[in-house]
C-alpha atoms as a PDB file:
ATOM      1  CA  MET A   1      96.016 -54.740 -32.752  1.00  0.00           C
ATOM      2  CA  VAL A   2      97.847 -57.535 -34.591  1.00  0.00           C
ATOM      3  CA  CYS A   3      94.840 -59.590 -35.700  1.00  0.00           C
ATOM      4  CA  CYS A   4      92.278 -56.742 -35.830  1.00  0.00           C
ATOM      5  CA  ARG A   5      89.649 -58.743 -33.998  1.00  0.00           C
ATOM      6  CA  ASN A   6      88.129 -59.202 -30.563  1.00  0.00           C
ATOM      7  CA  PHE A   7      88.326 -62.433 -28.595  1.00  0.00           C
ATOM      8  CA  SER A   8      86.914 -63.489 -25.241  1.00  0.00           C
ATOM      9  CA  ILE A   9      88.961 -63.704 -22.040  1.00  0.00           C
ATOM     10  CA  SER A  10      85.925 -64.394 -19.849  1.00  0.00           C
ATOM     11  CA  HIS A  11      86.876 -68.000 -19.077  1.00  0.00           C
ATOM     12  CA  GLY A  12      90.629 -68.135 -18.606  1.00  0.00           C
ATOM     13  CA  GLY A  13      91.714 -64.525 -18.302  1.00  0.00           C
ATOM     14  CA  LYS A  14      95.446 -64.285 -18.936  1.00  0.00           C
ATOM     15  CA  ASN A  15      95.531 -67.890 -20.149  1.00  0.00           C
ATOM     16  CA  ASP A  16      93.084 -66.947 -22.922  1.00  0.00           C
ATOM     17  CA  VAL A  17      95.486 -64.224 -24.030  1.00  0.00           C
ATOM     18  CA  LYS A  18      98.374 -66.686 -24.043  1.00  0.00           C
ATOM     19  CA  ARG A  19      96.314 -69.231 -25.961  1.00  0.00           C
ATOM     20  CA  HIS A  20      95.460 -66.641 -28.615  1.00  0.00           C
ATOM     21  CA  SER A  21      99.058 -65.504 -28.909  1.00  0.00           C
ATOM     22  CA  MET A  22     100.125 -69.108 -29.571  1.00  0.00           C
ATOM     23  CA  ALA A  23      97.509 -69.653 -32.283  1.00  0.00           C
ATOM     24  CA  THR A  24      98.720 -70.071 -35.883  1.00  0.00           C
ATOM     25  CA  VAL A  25      96.697 -67.124 -37.190  1.00  0.00           C
ATOM     26  CA  HIS A  26      98.182 -64.767 -34.607  1.00  0.00           C
ATOM     27  CA  LYS A  27     101.753 -65.902 -35.262  1.00  0.00           C
ATOM     28  CA  SER A  28     101.214 -65.503 -38.998  1.00  0.00           C
ATOM     29  CA  ASN A  29      99.791 -61.982 -38.593  1.00  0.00           C
ATOM     30  CA  GLU A  30     102.623 -61.060 -36.227  1.00  0.00           C
ATOM     31  CA  LYS A  31     105.264 -62.124 -38.744  1.00  0.00           C
ATOM     32  CA  SER A  32     103.589 -60.277 -41.598  1.00  0.00           C
ATOM     33  CA  GLY A  33     103.281 -57.076 -39.586  1.00  0.00           C
ATOM     34  CA  GLY A  34      99.557 -57.376 -38.869  1.00  0.00           C
ATOM     35  CA  ALA A  35      96.368 -58.507 -40.524  1.00  0.00           C
ATOM     36  CA  SER A  36      95.499 -57.163 -43.950  1.00  0.00           C
ATOM     37  CA  GLU A  37      92.559 -55.269 -42.525  1.00  0.00           C
ATOM     38  CA  THR A  38      93.707 -51.911 -41.184  1.00  0.00           C
ATOM     39  CA  MET A  39      92.846 -50.767 -37.682  1.00  0.00           C
ATOM     40  CA  ALA A  40      91.040 -47.766 -39.152  1.00  0.00           C
ATOM     41  CA  SER A  41      88.693 -49.960 -41.169  1.00  0.00           C
ATOM     42  CA  PHE A  42      88.197 -52.200 -38.147  1.00  0.00           C
ATOM     43  CA  MET A  43      87.182 -49.232 -35.988  1.00  0.00           C
ATOM     44  CA  ALA A  44      84.908 -47.937 -38.742  1.00  0.00           C
ATOM     45  CA  THR A  45      82.763 -51.044 -38.353  1.00  0.00           C
ATOM     46  CA  GLN A  46      82.145 -50.375 -34.658  1.00  0.00           C
ATOM     47  CA  ILE A  47      78.709 -49.366 -33.408  1.00  0.00           C
ATOM     48  CA  GLU A  48      77.683 -45.713 -33.833  1.00  0.00           C
ATOM     49  CA  ASP A  49      73.887 -45.967 -34.187  1.00  0.00           C
ATOM     50  CA  PRO A  50      72.404 -44.116 -31.146  1.00  0.00           C
ATOM     51  CA  ASP A  51      69.594 -46.674 -30.765  1.00  0.00           C
ATOM     52  CA  VAL A  52      72.086 -49.540 -30.735  1.00  0.00           C
ATOM     53  CA  ILE A  53      74.312 -47.685 -28.261  1.00  0.00           C
ATOM     54  CA  ASN A  54      71.271 -47.226 -26.019  1.00  0.00           C
ATOM     55  CA  ALA A  55      70.527 -50.958 -26.234  1.00  0.00           C
ATOM     56  CA  ALA A  56      74.102 -51.666 -25.211  1.00  0.00           C
ATOM     57  CA  ARG A  57      73.828 -49.221 -22.297  1.00  0.00           C
ATOM     58  CA  ILE A  58      70.611 -50.844 -21.048  1.00  0.00           C
ATOM     59  CA  PHE A  59      72.160 -54.308 -21.136  1.00  0.00           C
ATOM     60  CA  ALA A  60      75.381 -53.053 -19.509  1.00  0.00           C
ATOM     61  CA  ASN A  61      73.282 -51.886 -16.560  1.00  0.00           C
ATOM     62  CA  PHE A  62      71.501 -55.254 -16.554  1.00  0.00           C
ATOM     63  CA  ILE A  63      74.881 -57.013 -16.342  1.00  0.00           C
ATOM     64  CA  ARG A  64      75.884 -54.768 -13.463  1.00  0.00           C
ATOM     65  CA  ASP A  65      72.628 -54.976 -11.515  1.00  0.00           C
ATOM     66  CA  ASN A  66      72.457 -58.769 -11.716  1.00  0.00           C
ATOM     67  CA  ASN A  67      76.186 -59.468 -11.353  1.00  0.00           C
ATOM     68  CA  LEU A  68      76.315 -61.437 -14.604  1.00  0.00           C
ATOM     69  CA  SER A  69      79.376 -62.472 -16.561  1.00  0.00           C
ATOM     70  CA  TYR A  70      80.332 -60.309 -19.522  1.00  0.00           C
ATOM     71  CA  GLU A  71      79.933 -63.333 -21.785  1.00  0.00           C
ATOM     72  CA  THR A  72      76.164 -63.025 -21.188  1.00  0.00           C
ATOM     73  CA  ALA A  73      76.082 -60.000 -23.507  1.00  0.00           C
ATOM     74  CA  ASP A  74      77.518 -61.968 -26.414  1.00  0.00           C
ATOM     75  CA  HIS A  75      75.094 -64.860 -25.952  1.00  0.00           C
ATOM     76  CA  PHE A  76      72.084 -62.587 -25.513  1.00  0.00           C
ATOM     77  CA  SER A  77      73.005 -60.526 -28.577  1.00  0.00           C
ATOM     78  CA  LYS A  78      72.945 -63.694 -30.707  1.00  0.00           C
ATOM     79  CA  LEU A  79      69.694 -64.778 -29.095  1.00  0.00           C
ATOM     80  CA  CYS A  80      68.080 -61.409 -29.899  1.00  0.00           C
ATOM     81  CA  LYS A  81      68.820 -61.897 -33.595  1.00  0.00           C
ATOM     82  CA  GLN A  82      66.819 -65.129 -33.516  1.00  0.00           C
ATOM     83  CA  MET A  83      64.025 -63.828 -31.291  1.00  0.00           C
ATOM     84  CA  PHE A  84      63.469 -60.513 -33.086  1.00  0.00           C
ATOM     85  CA  PRO A  85      64.361 -61.068 -36.768  1.00  0.00           C
ATOM     86  CA  ASP A  86      62.404 -57.958 -37.841  1.00  0.00           C
ATOM     87  CA  SER A  87      64.200 -55.585 -35.476  1.00  0.00           C
ATOM     88  CA  MET A  88      67.074 -53.553 -36.921  1.00  0.00           C
ATOM     89  CA  ILE A  89      68.480 -53.006 -33.438  1.00  0.00           C
ATOM     90  CA  ALA A  90      68.379 -56.707 -32.556  1.00  0.00           C
ATOM     91  CA  GLN A  91      70.257 -57.573 -35.748  1.00  0.00           C
ATOM     92  CA  LYS A  92      73.185 -55.329 -34.795  1.00  0.00           C
ATOM     93  CA  ASP A  93      76.054 -56.688 -32.708  1.00  0.00           C
ATOM     94  CA  TRP A  94      75.963 -54.430 -29.644  1.00  0.00           C
ATOM     95  CA  SER A  95      77.448 -56.992 -27.242  1.00  0.00           C
ATOM     96  CA  ARG A  96      81.017 -55.640 -27.339  1.00  0.00           C
ATOM     97  CA  ARG A  97      79.820 -52.122 -26.596  1.00  0.00           C
ATOM     98  CA  ALA A  98      77.737 -53.423 -23.659  1.00  0.00           C
ATOM     99  CA  VAL A  99      80.740 -55.258 -22.233  1.00  0.00           C
ATOM    100  CA  ARG A 100      82.923 -52.163 -22.529  1.00  0.00           C
ATOM    101  CA  MET A 101      80.255 -50.010 -20.863  1.00  0.00           C
ATOM    102  CA  ALA A 102      79.849 -52.498 -18.017  1.00  0.00           C
ATOM    103  CA  SER A 103      83.613 -52.605 -17.539  1.00  0.00           C
ATOM    104  CA  ASP A 104      83.873 -48.799 -17.526  1.00  0.00           C
ATOM    105  CA  LEU A 105      81.063 -48.566 -14.989  1.00  0.00           C
ATOM    106  CA  ALA A 106      82.764 -51.068 -12.688  1.00  0.00           C
ATOM    107  CA  SER A 107      85.976 -49.033 -12.938  1.00  0.00           C
ATOM    108  CA  THR A 108      84.143 -45.778 -12.142  1.00  0.00           C
ATOM    109  CA  LYS A 109      82.540 -47.353  -9.094  1.00  0.00           C
ATOM    110  CA  ARG A 110      85.923 -48.555  -7.852  1.00  0.00           C
ATOM    111  CA  VAL A 111      87.275 -44.994  -8.073  1.00  0.00           C
ATOM    112  CA  TRP A 112      84.193 -43.666  -6.260  1.00  0.00           C
ATOM    113  CA  ARG A 113      84.559 -46.147  -3.406  1.00  0.00           C
ATOM    114  CA  SER A 114      88.200 -45.182  -2.916  1.00  0.00           C
ATOM    115  CA  ALA A 115      87.856 -41.444  -3.635  1.00  0.00           C
ATOM    116  CA  ASP A 116      90.220 -39.148  -1.764  1.00  0.00           C
ATOM    117  CA  ALA A 117      88.622 -35.968  -3.195  1.00  0.00           C
ATOM    118  CA  VAL A 118      85.207 -35.158  -4.680  1.00  0.00           C
ATOM    119  CA  CYS A 119      84.361 -32.023  -6.649  1.00  0.00           C
ATOM    120  CA  PHE A 120      80.677 -31.106  -6.801  1.00  0.00           C
ATOM    121  CA  ASP A 121      79.098 -28.787  -9.283  1.00  0.00           C
ATOM    122  CA  VAL A 122      76.712 -26.438  -7.484  1.00  0.00           C
ATOM    123  CA  ASP A 123      73.825 -25.290  -9.689  1.00  0.00           C
ATOM    124  CA  SER A 124      71.328 -28.115 -10.394  1.00  0.00           C
ATOM    125  CA  THR A 125      73.645 -30.543  -8.580  1.00  0.00           C
ATOM    126  CA  LEU A 126      74.455 -29.499  -5.020  1.00  0.00           C
ATOM    127  CA  LEU A 127      71.436 -27.181  -5.175  1.00  0.00           C
ATOM    128  CA  ARG A 128      68.136 -27.758  -6.938  1.00  0.00           C
ATOM    129  CA  ASP A 129      68.197 -24.512  -8.878  1.00  0.00           C
ATOM    130  CA  GLU A 130      70.525 -22.426 -11.026  1.00  0.00           C
ATOM    131  CA  ALA A 131      71.521 -19.539  -8.754  1.00  0.00           C
ATOM    132  CA  LEU A 132      72.066 -17.066 -11.581  1.00  0.00           C
ATOM    133  CA  ASP A 133      68.633 -17.947 -12.977  1.00  0.00           C
ATOM    134  CA  GLU A 134      67.120 -17.305  -9.552  1.00  0.00           C
ATOM    135  CA  LEU A 135      68.984 -14.011  -9.263  1.00  0.00           C
ATOM    136  CA  ALA A 136      67.693 -13.094 -12.722  1.00  0.00           C
ATOM    137  CA  LYS A 137      64.110 -13.811 -11.637  1.00  0.00           C
ATOM    138  CA  PHE A 138      64.689 -11.672  -8.568  1.00  0.00           C
ATOM    139  CA  CYS A 139      65.827  -8.861 -10.864  1.00  0.00           C
ATOM    140  CA  GLY A 140      62.909  -9.380 -13.272  1.00  0.00           C
ATOM    141  CA  VAL A 141      64.777 -10.887 -16.253  1.00  0.00           C
ATOM    142  CA  GLY A 142      64.415 -14.619 -15.550  1.00  0.00           C
ATOM    143  CA  LYS A 143      63.168 -15.879 -18.923  1.00  0.00           C
ATOM    144  CA  GLU A 144      65.915 -14.237 -20.987  1.00  0.00           C
ATOM    145  CA  VAL A 145      68.670 -15.587 -18.742  1.00  0.00           C
ATOM    146  CA  GLN A 146      67.330 -19.139 -18.524  1.00  0.00           C
ATOM    147  CA  GLU A 147      67.512 -19.516 -22.301  1.00  0.00           C
ATOM    148  CA  TRP A 148      71.247 -18.805 -22.146  1.00  0.00           C
ATOM    149  CA  THR A 149      71.667 -21.174 -19.198  1.00  0.00           C
ATOM    150  CA  ASN A 150      70.109 -24.063 -21.119  1.00  0.00           C
ATOM    151  CA  ARG A 151      72.366 -23.410 -24.099  1.00  0.00           C
ATOM    152  CA  ALA A 152      75.475 -23.319 -21.898  1.00  0.00           C
ATOM    153  CA  MET A 153      74.653 -26.450 -19.866  1.00  0.00           C
ATOM    154  CA  GLY A 154      73.843 -28.413 -23.012  1.00  0.00           C
ATOM    155  CA  GLY A 155      77.225 -27.528 -24.503  1.00  0.00           C
ATOM    156  CA  GLY A 156      75.709 -25.456 -27.341  1.00  0.00           C
ATOM    157  CA  VAL A 157      77.780 -22.310 -26.733  1.00  0.00           C
ATOM    158  CA  SER A 158      80.993 -21.497 -24.922  1.00  0.00           C
ATOM    159  CA  PHE A 159      80.551 -20.981 -21.209  1.00  0.00           C
ATOM    160  CA  ARG A 160      82.350 -17.620 -21.265  1.00  0.00           C
ATOM    161  CA  MET A 161      79.914 -16.287 -23.867  1.00  0.00           C
ATOM    162  CA  ALA A 162      76.885 -17.570 -21.941  1.00  0.00           C
ATOM    163  CA  LEU A 163      78.170 -16.139 -18.651  1.00  0.00           C
ATOM    164  CA  THR A 164      78.890 -12.759 -20.222  1.00  0.00           C
ATOM    165  CA  GLU A 165      75.490 -12.541 -21.890  1.00  0.00           C
ATOM    166  CA  ARG A 166      73.587 -13.639 -18.800  1.00  0.00           C
ATOM    167  CA  LEU A 167      75.316 -11.169 -16.514  1.00  0.00           C
ATOM    168  CA  ASN A 168      74.895  -8.366 -19.051  1.00  0.00           C
ATOM    169  CA  ILE A 169      71.172  -9.025 -18.940  1.00  0.00           C
ATOM    170  CA  VAL A 170      70.955  -9.157 -15.134  1.00  0.00           C
ATOM    171  CA  LYS A 171      73.576  -6.498 -14.304  1.00  0.00           C
ATOM    172  CA  PRO A 172      73.259  -7.190 -10.569  1.00  0.00           C
ATOM    173  CA  SER A 173      74.277  -4.346  -8.290  1.00  0.00           C
ATOM    174  CA  ARG A 174      75.881  -4.938  -4.923  1.00  0.00           C
ATOM    175  CA  LYS A 175      72.515  -4.128  -3.304  1.00  0.00           C
ATOM    176  CA  ASN A 176      70.642  -6.528  -5.627  1.00  0.00           C
ATOM    177  CA  LEU A 177      72.979  -9.289  -4.553  1.00  0.00           C
ATOM    178  CA  ALA A 178      72.706  -8.506  -0.830  1.00  0.00           C
ATOM    179  CA  ASP A 179      68.884  -8.382  -0.994  1.00  0.00           C
ATOM    180  CA  PHE A 180      68.796 -11.664  -2.942  1.00  0.00           C
ATOM    181  CA  LEU A 181      70.980 -13.478  -0.396  1.00  0.00           C
ATOM    182  CA  GLU A 182      68.849 -12.177   2.452  1.00  0.00           C
ATOM    183  CA  GLN A 183      65.654 -13.553   0.909  1.00  0.00           C
ATOM    184  CA  HIS A 184      66.990 -16.708  -0.797  1.00  0.00           C
ATOM    185  CA  THR A 185      68.065 -19.657   1.350  1.00  0.00           C
ATOM    186  CA  PRO A 186      69.984 -22.566  -0.230  1.00  0.00           C
ATOM    187  CA  ASP A 187      67.662 -25.228  -1.665  1.00  0.00           C
ATOM    188  CA  PHE A 188      69.728 -28.410  -1.412  1.00  0.00           C
ATOM    189  CA  SER A 189      69.205 -31.433  -3.639  1.00  0.00           C
ATOM    190  CA  PRO A 190      67.706 -34.452  -1.821  1.00  0.00           C
ATOM    191  CA  ARG A 191      70.207 -36.466   0.235  1.00  0.00           C
ATOM    192  CA  ILE A 192      73.176 -34.239  -0.692  1.00  0.00           C
ATOM    193  CA  LYS A 193      73.724 -33.293   2.971  1.00  0.00           C
ATOM    194  CA  GLU A 194      73.853 -36.956   3.936  1.00  0.00           C
ATOM    195  CA  LEU A 195      76.226 -37.761   1.085  1.00  0.00           C
ATOM    196  CA  ILE A 196      78.649 -34.940   1.885  1.00  0.00           C
ATOM    197  CA  GLY A 197      78.495 -35.789   5.590  1.00  0.00           C
ATOM    198  CA  LEU A 198      79.411 -39.390   4.773  1.00  0.00           C
ATOM    199  CA  LEU A 199      82.344 -38.256   2.621  1.00  0.00           C
ATOM    200  CA  GLN A 200      83.586 -35.987   5.398  1.00  0.00           C
ATOM    201  CA  GLU A 201      83.364 -38.866   7.887  1.00  0.00           C
ATOM    202  CA  ARG A 202      85.632 -40.818   5.535  1.00  0.00           C
ATOM    203  CA  ASN A 203      88.103 -37.888   5.441  1.00  0.00           C
ATOM    204  CA  VAL A 204      87.414 -37.280   1.747  1.00  0.00           C
ATOM    205  CA  ALA A 205      88.178 -33.714   0.671  1.00  0.00           C
ATOM    206  CA  VAL A 206      85.062 -31.995  -0.705  1.00  0.00           C
ATOM    207  CA  TYR A 207      85.244 -29.103  -3.175  1.00  0.00           C
ATOM    208  CA  LEU A 208      82.606 -26.952  -4.843  1.00  0.00           C
ATOM    209  CA  VAL A 209      83.608 -26.183  -8.425  1.00  0.00           C
ATOM    210  CA  SER A 210      81.099 -23.977 -10.158  1.00  0.00           C
ATOM    211  CA  GLY A 211      80.503 -21.533 -12.959  1.00  0.00           C
ATOM    212  CA  GLY A 212      78.288 -19.655 -10.498  1.00  0.00           C
ATOM    213  CA  MET A 213      79.163 -16.827  -8.155  1.00  0.00           C
ATOM    214  CA  THR A 214      81.291 -17.365  -5.043  1.00  0.00           C
ATOM    215  CA  THR A 215      79.195 -14.955  -2.968  1.00  0.00           C
ATOM    216  CA  ILE A 216      76.016 -16.939  -3.671  1.00  0.00           C
ATOM    217  CA  ILE A 217      77.702 -20.300  -2.969  1.00  0.00           C
ATOM    218  CA  GLU A 218      79.256 -19.391   0.381  1.00  0.00           C
ATOM    219  CA  PRO A 219      76.012 -19.681   2.446  1.00  0.00           C
ATOM    220  CA  ALA A 220      75.521 -23.253   1.185  1.00  0.00           C
ATOM    221  CA  ALA A 221      79.159 -24.131   1.900  1.00  0.00           C
ATOM    222  CA  GLU A 222      78.828 -22.797   5.435  1.00  0.00           C
ATOM    223  CA  ILE A 223      75.795 -25.000   6.131  1.00  0.00           C
ATOM    224  CA  LEU A 224      77.695 -28.046   4.805  1.00  0.00           C
ATOM    225  CA  SER A 225      80.880 -27.230   6.777  1.00  0.00           C
ATOM    226  CA  ILE A 226      82.889 -26.887   3.565  1.00  0.00           C
ATOM    227  CA  PRO A 227      85.765 -24.399   3.956  1.00  0.00           C
ATOM    228  CA  PHE A 228      85.440 -21.304   1.783  1.00  0.00           C
ATOM    229  CA  GLU A 229      88.903 -21.983   0.380  1.00  0.00           C
ATOM    230  CA  ASN A 230      87.440 -25.164  -1.146  1.00  0.00           C
ATOM    231  CA  ILE A 231      85.138 -23.088  -3.347  1.00  0.00           C
ATOM    232  CA  TYR A 232      86.287 -22.512  -6.925  1.00  0.00           C
ATOM    233  CA  ALA A 233      83.817 -20.230  -8.655  1.00  0.00           C
ATOM    234  CA  ASN A 234      83.431 -16.802 -10.249  1.00  0.00           C
ATOM    235  CA  LYS A 235      83.676 -13.390  -8.652  1.00  0.00           C
ATOM    236  CA  LEU A 236      81.550 -10.368  -9.486  1.00  0.00           C
ATOM    237  CA  LYS A 237      83.067  -6.925  -9.796  1.00  0.00           C
ATOM    238  CA  PHE A 238      81.372  -3.671  -8.793  1.00  0.00           C
ATOM    239  CA  TYR A 239      82.044   0.036  -9.289  1.00  0.00           C
ATOM    240  CA  PHE A 240      82.650   2.115  -6.164  1.00  0.00           C
ATOM    241  CA  HIS A 241      78.963   3.144  -6.073  1.00  0.00           C
ATOM    242  CA  GLY A 242      77.871  -0.510  -6.202  1.00  0.00           C
ATOM    243  CA  ASP A 243      76.782  -0.952  -9.821  1.00  0.00           C
ATOM    244  CA  TYR A 244      77.720  -4.076 -11.751  1.00  0.00           C
ATOM    245  CA  ALA A 245      81.161  -3.823 -13.347  1.00  0.00           C
ATOM    246  CA  GLY A 246      81.654  -7.300 -14.833  1.00  0.00           C
ATOM    247  CA  PHE A 247      83.298 -10.436 -13.491  1.00  0.00           C
ATOM    248  CA  ASP A 248      86.846 -11.600 -12.808  1.00  0.00           C
ATOM    249  CA  LYS A 249      87.975 -13.187 -16.072  1.00  0.00           C
ATOM    250  CA  ASP A 250      91.105 -14.564 -14.418  1.00  0.00           C
ATOM    251  CA  GLN A 251      89.056 -17.205 -12.615  1.00  0.00           C
ATOM    252  CA  PRO A 252      89.377 -20.501 -14.549  1.00  0.00           C
ATOM    253  CA  THR A 253      85.690 -21.328 -13.983  1.00  0.00           C
ATOM    254  CA  SER A 254      84.659 -18.285 -16.051  1.00  0.00           C
ATOM    255  CA  GLU A 255      85.277 -20.115 -19.334  1.00  0.00           C
ATOM    256  CA  SER A 256      84.848 -23.495 -20.980  1.00  0.00           C
ATOM    257  CA  GLY A 257      87.432 -25.981 -19.778  1.00  0.00           C
ATOM    258  CA  GLY A 258      87.845 -24.102 -16.504  1.00  0.00           C
ATOM    259  CA  LYS A 259      86.724 -26.976 -14.321  1.00  0.00           C
ATOM    260  CA  LYS A 260      89.307 -29.169 -16.003  1.00  0.00           C
ATOM    261  CA  VAL A 261      91.954 -26.593 -15.011  1.00  0.00           C
ATOM    262  CA  VAL A 262      90.737 -26.530 -11.396  1.00  0.00           C
ATOM    263  CA  VAL A 263      90.799 -30.319 -11.119  1.00  0.00           C
ATOM    264  CA  GLN A 264      94.299 -30.494 -12.581  1.00  0.00           C
ATOM    265  CA  ARG A 265      95.560 -27.887 -10.106  1.00  0.00           C
ATOM    266  CA  LEU A 266      94.016 -29.754  -7.186  1.00  0.00           C
ATOM    267  CA  LYS A 267      95.647 -33.016  -8.243  1.00  0.00           C
ATOM    268  CA  GLU A 268      99.011 -31.354  -8.679  1.00  0.00           C
ATOM    269  CA  LYS A 269      98.806 -29.459  -5.388  1.00  0.00           C
ATOM    270  CA  PHE A 270      97.509 -32.240  -3.132  1.00  0.00           C
ATOM    271  CA  GLY A 271      98.463 -35.389  -5.043  1.00  0.00           C
ATOM    272  CA  TYR A 272      94.948 -36.853  -5.156  1.00  0.00           C
ATOM    273  CA  LYS A 273      94.872 -40.321  -6.728  1.00  0.00           C
ATOM    274  CA  ASN A 274      91.118 -40.858  -6.985  1.00  0.00           C
ATOM    275  CA  LEU A 275      89.422 -37.536  -7.621  1.00  0.00           C
ATOM    276  CA  VAL A 276      85.766 -37.690  -8.693  1.00  0.00           C
ATOM    277  CA  MET A 277      83.820 -34.930 -10.464  1.00  0.00           C
ATOM    278  CA  ILE A 278      80.016 -34.902 -10.030  1.00  0.00           C
ATOM    279  CA  GLY A 279      77.714 -32.631 -12.001  1.00  0.00           C
ATOM    280  CA  ASP A 280      74.800 -32.198 -14.352  1.00  0.00           C
ATOM    281  CA  GLY A 281      76.405 -30.216 -17.178  1.00  0.00           C
ATOM    282  CA  ALA A 282      78.755 -30.585 -20.118  1.00  0.00           C
ATOM    283  CA  THR A 283      81.311 -28.359 -18.362  1.00  0.00           C
ATOM    284  CA  ASP A 284      81.428 -30.918 -15.526  1.00  0.00           C
ATOM    285  CA  MET A 285      81.831 -33.900 -17.834  1.00  0.00           C
ATOM    286  CA  GLU A 286      84.749 -32.293 -19.674  1.00  0.00           C
ATOM    287  CA  ALA A 287      86.712 -32.180 -16.381  1.00  0.00           C
ATOM    288  CA  CYS A 288      87.324 -35.943 -16.715  1.00  0.00           C
ATOM    289  CA  PRO A 289      90.177 -36.372 -17.360  1.00  0.00           C
ATOM    290  CA  PRO A 290      92.093 -35.091 -15.399  1.00  0.00           C
ATOM    291  CA  ALA A 291      89.434 -36.192 -12.884  1.00  0.00           C
ATOM    292  CA  ASP A 292      89.785 -39.928 -12.371  1.00  0.00           C
ATOM    293  CA  ALA A 293      86.038 -40.447 -12.728  1.00  0.00           C
ATOM    294  CA  PHE A 294      82.934 -38.483 -13.636  1.00  0.00           C
ATOM    295  CA  ILE A 295      79.441 -39.162 -12.299  1.00  0.00           C
ATOM    296  CA  GLY A 296      76.578 -37.483 -14.136  1.00  0.00           C
ATOM    297  CA  TYR A 297      73.676 -36.236 -12.014  1.00  0.00           C
ATOM    298  CA  GLY A 298      70.140 -35.782 -13.311  1.00  0.00           C
ATOM    299  CA  GLY A 299      68.088 -35.428 -10.150  1.00  0.00           C
ATOM    300  CA  ASN A 300      67.036 -31.866 -10.970  1.00  0.00           C
ATOM    301  CA  VAL A 301      67.449 -31.648 -14.728  1.00  0.00           C
ATOM    302  CA  VAL A 302      68.572 -34.246 -17.274  1.00  0.00           C
ATOM    303  CA  ARG A 303      71.023 -32.952 -19.882  1.00  0.00           C
ATOM    304  CA  GLU A 304      70.866 -35.351 -22.827  1.00  0.00           C
ATOM    305  CA  LYS A 305      74.554 -34.921 -23.672  1.00  0.00           C
ATOM    306  CA  VAL A 306      75.579 -35.797 -20.118  1.00  0.00           C
ATOM    307  CA  GLN A 307      73.138 -38.697 -19.812  1.00  0.00           C
ATOM    308  CA  LYS A 308      74.555 -40.264 -22.967  1.00  0.00           C
ATOM    309  CA  GLY A 309      78.188 -39.440 -22.246  1.00  0.00           C
ATOM    310  CA  ALA A 310      78.487 -40.337 -18.563  1.00  0.00           C
ATOM    311  CA  VAL A 311      79.627 -43.862 -17.701  1.00  0.00           C
ATOM    312  CA  TRP A 312      77.666 -43.598 -14.457  1.00  0.00           C
ATOM    313  CA  PHE A 313      74.545 -41.414 -14.508  1.00  0.00           C
ATOM    314  CA  VAL A 314      72.374 -41.154 -11.392  1.00  0.00           C
ATOM    315  CA  THR A 315      69.168 -39.287 -10.606  1.00  0.00           C
ATOM    316  CA  ASP A 316      69.325 -39.848  -6.846  1.00  0.00           C
ATOM    317  CA  PHE A 317      72.343 -39.335  -4.577  1.00  0.00           C
ATOM    318  CA  GLN A 318      71.113 -42.315  -2.582  1.00  0.00           C
ATOM    319  CA  GLU A 319      72.761 -44.531  -5.200  1.00  0.00           C
ATOM    320  CA  LEU A 320      76.154 -43.027  -4.353  1.00  0.00           C
ATOM    321  CA  ILE A 321      75.466 -43.391  -0.631  1.00  0.00           C
ATOM    322  CA  TRP A 322      74.583 -47.055  -1.086  1.00  0.00           C
ATOM    323  CA  GLU A 323      77.815 -47.648  -2.964  1.00  0.00           C
ATOM    324  CA  LEU A 324      79.886 -46.109  -0.161  1.00  0.00           C
ATOM    325  CA  ASN A 325      77.961 -47.968   2.522  1.00  0.00           C
ATOM    326  CA  SER A 326      78.399 -51.271   0.683  1.00  0.00           C
ATOM    327  CA  THR A 327      82.159 -50.713   0.959  1.00  0.00           C
ATOM    328  CA  GLU A 328      81.858 -50.102   4.709  1.00  0.00           C
ATOM    329  CA  ASN A 329      79.692 -53.207   5.182  1.00  0.00           C
ATOM    330  CA  SER A 330      82.009 -55.460   3.195  1.00  0.00           C
END
């Protein structure tokens, strides 16, 4: 902030910071109130090119997977400029972004290993499908509803608008819903039962936080031994004769930002210190913060916005199981 530049602390840690603070240039900048370059102009020079960001992400994962020092990114970035002089990506300095990504990933994994509560999205995360889409197919209006689902999950429209429009198309009666539940058994994502069982063995509180319908989620929760009071989702309303009458708009999950509200309430009520949100959609990602970490899931469908925005993005829950088991083994 004083010198408007980055410097390495990979060798001496705190001693590197002290050494920099004692340098003549730092003392001079400190006395003059900061370097002539403003912080705004410094930040404006930072990487924004999507291709360069992707290169940084790939190398951040390489650092993680091979347990390399962060200084490797800086050296390799310089080497790339010499090796690939005709590449626009190679000529950019993506090393700092890669280091930051690797550091953020390490932090997210630490939170995951010490989680005291985990909130799972349901549709396309806990379960393979989108329950409302399946209900729409059952009622003969699947195509129209799925278009709205894709727009909502990609963050293109507000969730409240998408939910309203989808339910207005389906208009499920009480009988429609009962018949659907009778014929539709929960289709769990691979290894989710094992993952939730492992969390429960570790006394980690498990919640289902969804923009879907509570009635449709309850059969899955029962199979997984998750208490119904740990379900935070939407509730359908019916007229006395059983026709669709709308949904409960007082439920926080019925609008954008609702999952953030649920997570905040859980932290305030139970004092969780390491709460993790896991999901496939933009509405899940926006719950962090207040969630202490977010893990993007793409095992059923990959949302581009989530894949790019999540510090840790997995396509197989086995990766999360391995991380927990590595803690037990160590």
